[in-house]
mmCIF file of all heavy atoms, coordinates in Angstrom:
data_MODEL
# 
_entry.id   MODEL 
# 
loop_
_atom_site.group_PDB 
_atom_site.id 
_atom_site.type_symbol 
_atom_site.label_atom_id 
_atom_site.label_alt_id 
_atom_site.label_comp_id 
_atom_site.label_asym_id 
_atom_site.label_entity_id 
_atom_site.label_seq_id 
_atom_site.pdbx_PDB_ins_code 
_atom_site.Cartn_x 
_atom_site.Cartn_y 
_atom_site.Cartn_z 
_atom_site.occupancy 
_atom_site.B_iso_or_equiv 
_atom_site.pdbx_formal_charge 
_atom_site.auth_seq_id 
_atom_site.auth_comp_id 
_atom_site.auth_asym_id 
_atom_site.auth_atom_id 
_atom_site.pdbx_PDB_model_num 
ATOM 1   N N   . MET A 1 1  ? 9.974   -0.303  2.567  1.00 0.00 ? 1  MET A N   1 
ATOM 2   C CA  . MET A 1 1  ? 8.557   -0.438  2.647  1.00 0.00 ? 1  MET A CA  1 
ATOM 3   C C   . MET A 1 1  ? 7.792   0.327   1.526  1.00 0.00 ? 1  MET A C   1 
ATOM 4   O O   . MET A 1 1  ? 6.955   -0.130  0.938  1.00 0.00 ? 1  MET A O   1 
ATOM 5   C CB  . MET A 1 1  ? 8.040   -0.106  3.962  1.00 0.00 ? 1  MET A CB  1 
ATOM 6   C CG  . MET A 1 1  ? 6.525   -0.271  4.073  1.00 0.00 ? 1  MET A CG  1 
ATOM 7   S SD  . MET A 1 1  ? 5.772   0.014   5.674  1.00 0.00 ? 1  MET A SD  1 
ATOM 8   C CE  . MET A 1 1  ? 6.306   -1.358  6.648  1.00 0.00 ? 1  MET A CE  1 
ATOM 9   N N   . ALA A 1 2  ? 8.120   1.538   1.327  1.00 0.00 ? 2  ALA A N   1 
ATOM 10  C CA  . ALA A 1 2  ? 7.517   2.410   0.275  1.00 0.00 ? 2  ALA A CA  1 
ATOM 11  C C   . ALA A 1 2  ? 7.606   1.747   -1.056 1.00 0.00 ? 2  ALA A C   1 
ATOM 12  O O   . ALA A 1 2  ? 6.727   2.102   -1.884 1.00 0.00 ? 2  ALA A O   1 
ATOM 13  C CB  . ALA A 1 2  ? 8.112   3.821   0.237  1.00 0.00 ? 2  ALA A CB  1 
ATOM 14  N N   . GLU A 1 3  ? 8.528   0.887   -1.348 1.00 0.00 ? 3  GLU A N   1 
ATOM 15  C CA  . GLU A 1 3  ? 8.607   0.319   -2.693 1.00 0.00 ? 3  GLU A CA  1 
ATOM 16  C C   . GLU A 1 3  ? 7.546   -0.703  -2.816 1.00 0.00 ? 3  GLU A C   1 
ATOM 17  O O   . GLU A 1 3  ? 7.062   -1.100  -4.037 1.00 0.00 ? 3  GLU A O   1 
ATOM 18  C CB  . GLU A 1 3  ? 9.860   -0.446  -2.954 1.00 0.00 ? 3  GLU A CB  1 
ATOM 19  C CG  . GLU A 1 3  ? 11.123  0.544   -3.146 1.00 0.00 ? 3  GLU A CG  1 
ATOM 20  C CD  . GLU A 1 3  ? 11.253  0.829   -4.564 1.00 0.00 ? 3  GLU A CD  1 
ATOM 21  O OE1 . GLU A 1 3  ? 10.845  0.219   -5.491 1.00 0.00 ? 3  GLU A OE1 1 
ATOM 22  O OE2 . GLU A 1 3  ? 11.623  2.077   -4.780 1.00 0.00 ? 3  GLU A OE2 1 
ATOM 23  N N   . ALA A 1 4  ? 7.016   -1.238  -1.762 1.00 0.00 ? 4  ALA A N   1 
ATOM 24  C CA  . ALA A 1 4  ? 5.969   -2.379  -1.845 1.00 0.00 ? 4  ALA A CA  1 
ATOM 25  C C   . ALA A 1 4  ? 4.643   -2.043  -1.306 1.00 0.00 ? 4  ALA A C   1 
ATOM 26  O O   . ALA A 1 4  ? 3.767   -2.661  -1.735 1.00 0.00 ? 4  ALA A O   1 
ATOM 27  C CB  . ALA A 1 4  ? 6.649   -3.638  -1.131 1.00 0.00 ? 4  ALA A CB  1 
ATOM 28  N N   . ALA A 1 5  ? 4.719   -1.258  -0.399 1.00 0.00 ? 5  ALA A N   1 
ATOM 29  C CA  . ALA A 1 5  ? 3.397   -0.758  0.289  1.00 0.00 ? 5  ALA A CA  1 
ATOM 30  C C   . ALA A 1 5  ? 3.369   0.684   0.556  1.00 0.00 ? 5  ALA A C   1 
ATOM 31  O O   . ALA A 1 5  ? 2.754   1.177   1.574  1.00 0.00 ? 5  ALA A O   1 
ATOM 32  C CB  . ALA A 1 5  ? 3.324   -1.536  1.711  1.00 0.00 ? 5  ALA A CB  1 
ATOM 33  N N   . GLY A 1 6  ? 3.921   1.489   -0.360 1.00 0.00 ? 6  GLY A N   1 
ATOM 34  C CA  . GLY A 1 6  ? 3.893   2.834   -0.145 1.00 0.00 ? 6  GLY A CA  1 
ATOM 35  C C   . GLY A 1 6  ? 2.719   3.689   -0.567 1.00 0.00 ? 6  GLY A C   1 
ATOM 36  O O   . GLY A 1 6  ? 1.973   3.289   -1.401 1.00 0.00 ? 6  GLY A O   1 
ATOM 37  N N   . LEU A 1 7  ? 2.511   4.686   0.053  1.00 0.00 ? 7  LEU A N   1 
ATOM 38  C CA  . LEU A 1 7  ? 1.378   5.695   -0.182 1.00 0.00 ? 7  LEU A CA  1 
ATOM 39  C C   . LEU A 1 7  ? 1.208   6.035   -1.609 1.00 0.00 ? 7  LEU A C   1 
ATOM 40  O O   . LEU A 1 7  ? 0.193   6.146   -2.187 1.00 0.00 ? 7  LEU A O   1 
ATOM 41  C CB  . LEU A 1 7  ? 1.359   6.786   0.753  1.00 0.00 ? 7  LEU A CB  1 
ATOM 42  C CG  . LEU A 1 7  ? 0.011   7.675   0.810  1.00 0.00 ? 7  LEU A CG  1 
ATOM 43  C CD1 . LEU A 1 7  ? -1.158  6.877   1.204  1.00 0.00 ? 7  LEU A CD1 1 
ATOM 44  C CD2 . LEU A 1 7  ? 0.373   8.933   1.691  1.00 0.00 ? 7  LEU A CD2 1 
ATOM 45  N N   . LEU A 1 8  ? 2.439   6.385   -2.245 1.00 0.00 ? 8  LEU A N   1 
ATOM 46  C CA  . LEU A 1 8  ? 2.445   6.919   -3.630 1.00 0.00 ? 8  LEU A CA  1 
ATOM 47  C C   . LEU A 1 8  ? 2.058   5.704   -4.543 1.00 0.00 ? 8  LEU A C   1 
ATOM 48  O O   . LEU A 1 8  ? 1.725   6.144   -5.781 1.00 0.00 ? 8  LEU A O   1 
ATOM 49  C CB  . LEU A 1 8  ? 3.816   7.451   -3.938 1.00 0.00 ? 8  LEU A CB  1 
ATOM 50  C CG  . LEU A 1 8  ? 4.209   8.720   -3.153 1.00 0.00 ? 8  LEU A CG  1 
ATOM 51  C CD1 . LEU A 1 8  ? 5.644   9.244   -3.429 1.00 0.00 ? 8  LEU A CD1 1 
ATOM 52  C CD2 . LEU A 1 8  ? 3.121   9.756   -3.348 1.00 0.00 ? 8  LEU A CD2 1 
ATOM 53  N N   . LEU A 1 9  ? 2.076   4.437   -4.252 1.00 0.00 ? 9  LEU A N   1 
ATOM 54  C CA  . LEU A 1 9  ? 1.621   3.403   -5.110 1.00 0.00 ? 9  LEU A CA  1 
ATOM 55  C C   . LEU A 1 9  ? 0.073   3.258   -5.149 1.00 0.00 ? 9  LEU A C   1 
ATOM 56  O O   . LEU A 1 9  ? -0.409  2.467   -5.964 1.00 0.00 ? 9  LEU A O   1 
ATOM 57  C CB  . LEU A 1 9  ? 2.311   2.124   -4.563 1.00 0.00 ? 9  LEU A CB  1 
ATOM 58  C CG  . LEU A 1 9  ? 3.750   1.918   -4.602 1.00 0.00 ? 9  LEU A CG  1 
ATOM 59  C CD1 . LEU A 1 9  ? 4.170   0.646   -3.983 1.00 0.00 ? 9  LEU A CD1 1 
ATOM 60  C CD2 . LEU A 1 9  ? 4.289   2.091   -6.024 1.00 0.00 ? 9  LEU A CD2 1 
ATOM 61  N N   . VAL A 1 10 ? -0.676  3.823   -4.205 1.00 0.00 ? 10 VAL A N   1 
ATOM 62  C CA  . VAL A 1 10 ? -2.031  3.751   -4.070 1.00 0.00 ? 10 VAL A CA  1 
ATOM 63  C C   . VAL A 1 10 ? -2.817  4.974   -4.665 1.00 0.00 ? 10 VAL A C   1 
ATOM 64  O O   . VAL A 1 10 ? -2.474  6.092   -4.228 1.00 0.00 ? 10 VAL A O   1 
ATOM 65  C CB  . VAL A 1 10 ? -2.456  3.609   -2.599 1.00 0.00 ? 10 VAL A CB  1 
ATOM 66  C CG1 . VAL A 1 10 ? -3.943  3.261   -2.527 1.00 0.00 ? 10 VAL A CG1 1 
ATOM 67  C CG2 . VAL A 1 10 ? -1.652  2.431   -1.983 1.00 0.00 ? 10 VAL A CG2 1 
ATOM 68  N N   . PRO A 1 11 ? -3.528  4.737   -5.674 1.00 0.00 ? 11 PRO A N   1 
ATOM 69  C CA  . PRO A 1 11 ? -4.341  5.910   -6.121 1.00 0.00 ? 11 PRO A CA  1 
ATOM 70  C C   . PRO A 1 11 ? -5.171  6.567   -5.097 1.00 0.00 ? 11 PRO A C   1 
ATOM 71  O O   . PRO A 1 11 ? -5.615  5.850   -4.330 1.00 0.00 ? 11 PRO A O   1 
ATOM 72  C CB  . PRO A 1 11 ? -5.218  5.199   -7.413 1.00 0.00 ? 11 PRO A CB  1 
ATOM 73  C CG  . PRO A 1 11 ? -4.588  4.012   -7.570 1.00 0.00 ? 11 PRO A CG  1 
ATOM 74  C CD  . PRO A 1 11 ? -3.884  3.516   -6.269 1.00 0.00 ? 11 PRO A CD  1 
ATOM 75  N N   . PRO A 1 12 ? -5.404  7.868   -5.155 1.00 0.00 ? 12 PRO A N   1 
ATOM 76  C CA  . PRO A 1 12 ? -6.089  8.504   -4.233 1.00 0.00 ? 12 PRO A CA  1 
ATOM 77  C C   . PRO A 1 12 ? -7.430  8.028   -3.809 1.00 0.00 ? 12 PRO A C   1 
ATOM 78  O O   . PRO A 1 12 ? -7.960  7.875   -2.675 1.00 0.00 ? 12 PRO A O   1 
ATOM 79  C CB  . PRO A 1 12 ? -6.164  10.057  -4.595 1.00 0.00 ? 12 PRO A CB  1 
ATOM 80  C CG  . PRO A 1 12 ? -4.901  10.165  -5.432 1.00 0.00 ? 12 PRO A CG  1 
ATOM 81  C CD  . PRO A 1 12 ? -4.778  8.842   -6.086 1.00 0.00 ? 12 PRO A CD  1 
ATOM 82  N N   . ASP A 1 13 ? -8.150  7.412   -4.807 1.00 0.00 ? 13 ASP A N   1 
ATOM 83  C CA  . ASP A 1 13 ? -9.591  6.852   -4.618 1.00 0.00 ? 13 ASP A CA  1 
ATOM 84  C C   . ASP A 1 13 ? -9.424  5.600   -3.996 1.00 0.00 ? 13 ASP A C   1 
ATOM 85  O O   . ASP A 1 13 ? -10.568 4.975   -3.644 1.00 0.00 ? 13 ASP A O   1 
ATOM 86  C CB  . ASP A 1 13 ? -10.274 6.870   -5.874 1.00 0.00 ? 13 ASP A CB  1 
ATOM 87  C CG  . ASP A 1 13 ? -9.719  6.012   -6.947 1.00 0.00 ? 13 ASP A CG  1 
ATOM 88  O OD1 . ASP A 1 13 ? -8.519  5.836   -6.967 1.00 0.00 ? 13 ASP A OD1 1 
ATOM 89  O OD2 . ASP A 1 13 ? -10.528 5.326   -7.725 1.00 0.00 ? 13 ASP A OD2 1 
ATOM 90  N N   . ARG A 1 14 ? -8.358  5.018   -3.792 1.00 0.00 ? 14 ARG A N   1 
ATOM 91  C CA  . ARG A 1 14 ? -8.092  3.693   -3.211 1.00 0.00 ? 14 ARG A CA  1 
ATOM 92  C C   . ARG A 1 14 ? -7.416  3.673   -1.903 1.00 0.00 ? 14 ARG A C   1 
ATOM 93  O O   . ARG A 1 14 ? -7.087  2.661   -1.271 1.00 0.00 ? 14 ARG A O   1 
ATOM 94  C CB  . ARG A 1 14 ? -7.393  2.634   -4.138 1.00 0.00 ? 14 ARG A CB  1 
ATOM 95  C CG  . ARG A 1 14 ? -8.381  2.434   -5.467 1.00 0.00 ? 14 ARG A CG  1 
ATOM 96  C CD  . ARG A 1 14 ? -7.672  1.408   -6.255 1.00 0.00 ? 14 ARG A CD  1 
ATOM 97  N NE  . ARG A 1 14 ? -7.804  0.077   -5.676 1.00 0.00 ? 14 ARG A NE  1 
ATOM 98  C CZ  . ARG A 1 14 ? -7.211  -1.011  -6.067 1.00 0.00 ? 14 ARG A CZ  1 
ATOM 99  N NH1 . ARG A 1 14 ? -6.361  -0.921  -7.060 1.00 0.00 ? 14 ARG A NH1 1 
ATOM 100 N NH2 . ARG A 1 14 ? -7.310  -2.169  -5.415 1.00 0.00 ? 14 ARG A NH2 1 
ATOM 101 N N   . ARG A 1 15 ? -7.239  4.805   -1.419 1.00 0.00 ? 15 ARG A N   1 
ATOM 102 C CA  . ARG A 1 15 ? -6.454  4.981   -0.116 1.00 0.00 ? 15 ARG A CA  1 
ATOM 103 C C   . ARG A 1 15 ? -7.375  4.723   1.032  1.00 0.00 ? 15 ARG A C   1 
ATOM 104 O O   . ARG A 1 15 ? -7.786  5.641   1.736  1.00 0.00 ? 15 ARG A O   1 
ATOM 105 C CB  . ARG A 1 15 ? -5.784  6.357   -0.041 1.00 0.00 ? 15 ARG A CB  1 
ATOM 106 C CG  . ARG A 1 15 ? -4.597  6.492   -1.004 1.00 0.00 ? 15 ARG A CG  1 
ATOM 107 C CD  . ARG A 1 15 ? -3.998  7.784   -0.937 1.00 0.00 ? 15 ARG A CD  1 
ATOM 108 N NE  . ARG A 1 15 ? -3.033  7.903   -1.876 1.00 0.00 ? 15 ARG A NE  1 
ATOM 109 C CZ  . ARG A 1 15 ? -2.357  8.942   -2.288 1.00 0.00 ? 15 ARG A CZ  1 
ATOM 110 N NH1 . ARG A 1 15 ? -2.484  10.162  -1.613 1.00 0.00 ? 15 ARG A NH1 1 
ATOM 111 N NH2 . ARG A 1 15 ? -1.405  8.923   -3.151 1.00 0.00 ? 15 ARG A NH2 1 
ATOM 112 N N   . ASP A 1 16 ? -7.508  3.415   1.348  1.00 0.00 ? 16 ASP A N   1 
ATOM 113 C CA  . ASP A 1 16 ? -8.257  3.019   2.609  1.00 0.00 ? 16 ASP A CA  1 
ATOM 114 C C   . ASP A 1 16 ? -7.437  2.121   3.383  1.00 0.00 ? 16 ASP A C   1 
ATOM 115 O O   . ASP A 1 16 ? -7.211  0.850   3.072  1.00 0.00 ? 16 ASP A O   1 
ATOM 116 C CB  . ASP A 1 16 ? -9.559  2.258   2.080  1.00 0.00 ? 16 ASP A CB  1 
ATOM 117 C CG  . ASP A 1 16 ? -10.478 1.716   3.295  1.00 0.00 ? 16 ASP A CG  1 
ATOM 118 O OD1 . ASP A 1 16 ? -10.042 1.861   4.331  1.00 0.00 ? 16 ASP A OD1 1 
ATOM 119 O OD2 . ASP A 1 16 ? -11.666 1.456   2.841  1.00 0.00 ? 16 ASP A OD2 1 
ATOM 120 N N   . PRO A 1 17 ? -6.881  2.531   4.530  1.00 0.00 ? 17 PRO A N   1 
ATOM 121 C CA  . PRO A 1 17 ? -6.044  1.786   5.292  1.00 0.00 ? 17 PRO A CA  1 
ATOM 122 C C   . PRO A 1 17 ? -6.660  0.574   5.901  1.00 0.00 ? 17 PRO A C   1 
ATOM 123 O O   . PRO A 1 17 ? -5.903  -0.315  6.309  1.00 0.00 ? 17 PRO A O   1 
ATOM 124 C CB  . PRO A 1 17 ? -5.556  2.795   6.403  1.00 0.00 ? 17 PRO A CB  1 
ATOM 125 C CG  . PRO A 1 17 ? -6.594  3.740   6.422  1.00 0.00 ? 17 PRO A CG  1 
ATOM 126 C CD  . PRO A 1 17 ? -7.195  3.840   5.071  1.00 0.00 ? 17 PRO A CD  1 
ATOM 127 N N   . LYS A 1 18 ? -7.944  0.380   5.861  1.00 0.00 ? 18 LYS A N   1 
ATOM 128 C CA  . LYS A 1 18 ? -8.563  -0.874  6.308  1.00 0.00 ? 18 LYS A CA  1 
ATOM 129 C C   . LYS A 1 18 ? -8.362  -1.970  5.237  1.00 0.00 ? 18 LYS A C   1 
ATOM 130 O O   . LYS A 1 18 ? -8.420  -3.154  5.517  1.00 0.00 ? 18 LYS A O   1 
ATOM 131 C CB  . LYS A 1 18 ? -10.040 -0.651  6.591  1.00 0.00 ? 18 LYS A CB  1 
ATOM 132 C CG  . LYS A 1 18 ? -10.343 0.372   7.716  1.00 0.00 ? 18 LYS A CG  1 
ATOM 133 C CD  . LYS A 1 18 ? -11.692 0.438   8.090  1.00 0.00 ? 18 LYS A CD  1 
ATOM 134 C CE  . LYS A 1 18 ? -12.646 1.008   6.856  1.00 0.00 ? 18 LYS A CE  1 
ATOM 135 N NZ  . LYS A 1 18 ? -12.448 2.326   6.380  1.00 0.00 ? 18 LYS A NZ  1 
ATOM 136 N N   . LEU A 1 19 ? -8.008  -1.589  4.114  1.00 0.00 ? 19 LEU A N   1 
ATOM 137 C CA  . LEU A 1 19 ? -7.929  -2.511  3.013  1.00 0.00 ? 19 LEU A CA  1 
ATOM 138 C C   . LEU A 1 19 ? -6.410  -2.697  2.367  1.00 0.00 ? 19 LEU A C   1 
ATOM 139 O O   . LEU A 1 19 ? -6.204  -3.813  1.928  1.00 0.00 ? 19 LEU A O   1 
ATOM 140 C CB  . LEU A 1 19 ? -8.775  -2.107  1.714  1.00 0.00 ? 19 LEU A CB  1 
ATOM 141 C CG  . LEU A 1 19 ? -10.213 -1.823  1.969  1.00 0.00 ? 19 LEU A CG  1 
ATOM 142 C CD1 . LEU A 1 19 ? -10.986 -1.267  0.791  1.00 0.00 ? 19 LEU A CD1 1 
ATOM 143 C CD2 . LEU A 1 19 ? -10.879 -3.194  2.512  1.00 0.00 ? 19 LEU A CD2 1 
ATOM 144 N N   . THR A 1 20 ? -5.537  -1.842  2.683  1.00 0.00 ? 20 THR A N   1 
ATOM 145 C CA  . THR A 1 20 ? -4.226  -1.905  2.290  1.00 0.00 ? 20 THR A CA  1 
ATOM 146 C C   . THR A 1 20 ? -3.349  -2.898  3.112  1.00 0.00 ? 20 THR A C   1 
ATOM 147 O O   . THR A 1 20 ? -3.748  -3.045  4.345  1.00 0.00 ? 20 THR A O   1 
ATOM 148 C CB  . THR A 1 20 ? -3.488  -0.544  2.155  1.00 0.00 ? 20 THR A CB  1 
ATOM 149 O OG1 . THR A 1 20 ? -3.618  0.037   3.413  1.00 0.00 ? 20 THR A OG1 1 
ATOM 150 C CG2 . THR A 1 20 ? -4.114  0.313   1.006  1.00 0.00 ? 20 THR A CG2 1 
ATOM 151 N N   . THR A 1 21 ? -2.346  -3.460  2.596  1.00 0.00 ? 21 THR A N   1 
ATOM 152 C CA  . THR A 1 21 ? -1.631  -4.487  3.299  1.00 0.00 ? 21 THR A CA  1 
ATOM 153 C C   . THR A 1 21 ? -0.169  -4.314  3.111  1.00 0.00 ? 21 THR A C   1 
ATOM 154 O O   . THR A 1 21 ? 0.320   -3.934  2.048  1.00 0.00 ? 21 THR A O   1 
ATOM 155 C CB  . THR A 1 21 ? -2.042  -5.917  2.789  1.00 0.00 ? 21 THR A CB  1 
ATOM 156 O OG1 . THR A 1 21 ? -1.392  -6.891  3.560  1.00 0.00 ? 21 THR A OG1 1 
ATOM 157 C CG2 . THR A 1 21 ? -2.072  -6.105  1.411  1.00 0.00 ? 21 THR A CG2 1 
ATOM 158 N N   . THR A 1 22 ? 0.720   -4.888  3.976  1.00 0.00 ? 22 THR A N   1 
ATOM 159 C CA  . THR A 1 22 ? 2.133   -4.828  3.841  1.00 0.00 ? 22 THR A CA  1 
ATOM 160 C C   . THR A 1 22 ? 2.600   -6.161  3.286  1.00 0.00 ? 22 THR A C   1 
ATOM 161 O O   . THR A 1 22 ? 3.812   -6.508  3.308  1.00 0.00 ? 22 THR A O   1 
ATOM 162 C CB  . THR A 1 22 ? 2.764   -4.755  5.339  1.00 0.00 ? 22 THR A CB  1 
ATOM 163 O OG1 . THR A 1 22 ? 2.165   -5.878  6.132  1.00 0.00 ? 22 THR A OG1 1 
ATOM 164 C CG2 . THR A 1 22 ? 2.488   -3.429  5.991  1.00 0.00 ? 22 THR A CG2 1 
ATOM 165 N N   . ARG A 1 23 ? 1.674   -6.986  2.641  1.00 0.00 ? 23 ARG A N   1 
ATOM 166 C CA  . ARG A 1 23 ? 2.042   -8.287  2.007  1.00 0.00 ? 23 ARG A CA  1 
ATOM 167 C C   . ARG A 1 23 ? 3.265   -8.175  1.007  1.00 0.00 ? 23 ARG A C   1 
ATOM 168 O O   . ARG A 1 23 ? 4.194   -9.009  1.157  1.00 0.00 ? 23 ARG A O   1 
ATOM 169 C CB  . ARG A 1 23 ? 0.979   -8.783  1.209  1.00 0.00 ? 23 ARG A CB  1 
ATOM 170 C CG  . ARG A 1 23 ? 1.234   -10.117 0.588  1.00 0.00 ? 23 ARG A CG  1 
ATOM 171 C CD  . ARG A 1 23 ? 0.055   -10.833 0.033  1.00 0.00 ? 23 ARG A CD  1 
ATOM 172 N NE  . ARG A 1 23 ? 0.458   -12.145 -0.472 1.00 0.00 ? 23 ARG A NE  1 
ATOM 173 C CZ  . ARG A 1 23 ? 0.513   -13.321 0.420  1.00 0.00 ? 23 ARG A CZ  1 
ATOM 174 N NH1 . ARG A 1 23 ? -0.059  -13.052 1.719  1.00 0.00 ? 23 ARG A NH1 1 
ATOM 175 N NH2 . ARG A 1 23 ? 0.737   -14.413 0.059  1.00 0.00 ? 23 ARG A NH2 1 
ATOM 176 N N   . GLY A 1 24 ? 3.310   -6.954  0.287  1.00 0.00 ? 24 GLY A N   1 
ATOM 177 C CA  . GLY A 1 24 ? 4.463   -6.856  -0.614 1.00 0.00 ? 24 GLY A CA  1 
ATOM 178 C C   . GLY A 1 24 ? 5.795   -6.839  0.085  1.00 0.00 ? 24 GLY A C   1 
ATOM 179 O O   . GLY A 1 24 ? 6.885   -7.326  -0.465 1.00 0.00 ? 24 GLY A O   1 
ATOM 180 N N   . VAL A 1 25 ? 5.762   -6.202  1.301  1.00 0.00 ? 25 VAL A N   1 
ATOM 181 C CA  . VAL A 1 25 ? 7.117   -6.172  2.093  1.00 0.00 ? 25 VAL A CA  1 
ATOM 182 C C   . VAL A 1 25 ? 7.524   -7.546  2.441  1.00 0.00 ? 25 VAL A C   1 
ATOM 183 O O   . VAL A 1 25 ? 8.606   -7.950  2.301  1.00 0.00 ? 25 VAL A O   1 
ATOM 184 C CB  . VAL A 1 25 ? 6.945   -5.369  3.443  1.00 0.00 ? 25 VAL A CB  1 
ATOM 185 C CG1 . VAL A 1 25 ? 8.083   -5.283  4.159  1.00 0.00 ? 25 VAL A CG1 1 
ATOM 186 C CG2 . VAL A 1 25 ? 6.473   -3.884  2.873  1.00 0.00 ? 25 VAL A CG2 1 
ATOM 187 N N   . GLY A 1 26 ? 6.656   -8.290  2.784  1.00 0.00 ? 26 GLY A N   1 
ATOM 188 C CA  . GLY A 1 26 ? 6.877   -9.768  3.152  1.00 0.00 ? 26 GLY A CA  1 
ATOM 189 C C   . GLY A 1 26 ? 7.361   -10.449 1.991  1.00 0.00 ? 26 GLY A C   1 
ATOM 190 O O   . GLY A 1 26 ? 8.220   -11.418 2.048  1.00 0.00 ? 26 GLY A O   1 
ATOM 191 N N   . GLU A 1 27 ? 6.833   -10.246 0.746  1.00 0.00 ? 27 GLU A N   1 
ATOM 192 C CA  . GLU A 1 27 ? 7.231   -10.815 -0.527 1.00 0.00 ? 27 GLU A CA  1 
ATOM 193 C C   . GLU A 1 27 ? 8.797   -10.463 -0.767 1.00 0.00 ? 27 GLU A C   1 
ATOM 194 O O   . GLU A 1 27 ? 9.489   -11.281 -1.196 1.00 0.00 ? 27 GLU A O   1 
ATOM 195 C CB  . GLU A 1 27 ? 6.423   -10.621 -1.654 1.00 0.00 ? 27 GLU A CB  1 
ATOM 196 C CG  . GLU A 1 27 ? 5.005   -11.126 -1.543 1.00 0.00 ? 27 GLU A CG  1 
ATOM 197 C CD  . GLU A 1 27 ? 4.013   -10.744 -2.739 1.00 0.00 ? 27 GLU A CD  1 
ATOM 198 O OE1 . GLU A 1 27 ? 4.552   -10.091 -3.651 1.00 0.00 ? 27 GLU A OE1 1 
ATOM 199 O OE2 . GLU A 1 27 ? 2.849   -11.019 -2.595 1.00 0.00 ? 27 GLU A OE2 1 
# 
């Protein structure tokens, strides 16, 4: 999961769990 929806992929100023998604894991 961290490869597609990992916290380290999200810049600190965009870390809003209401907006992030697991879509990449499904891909």
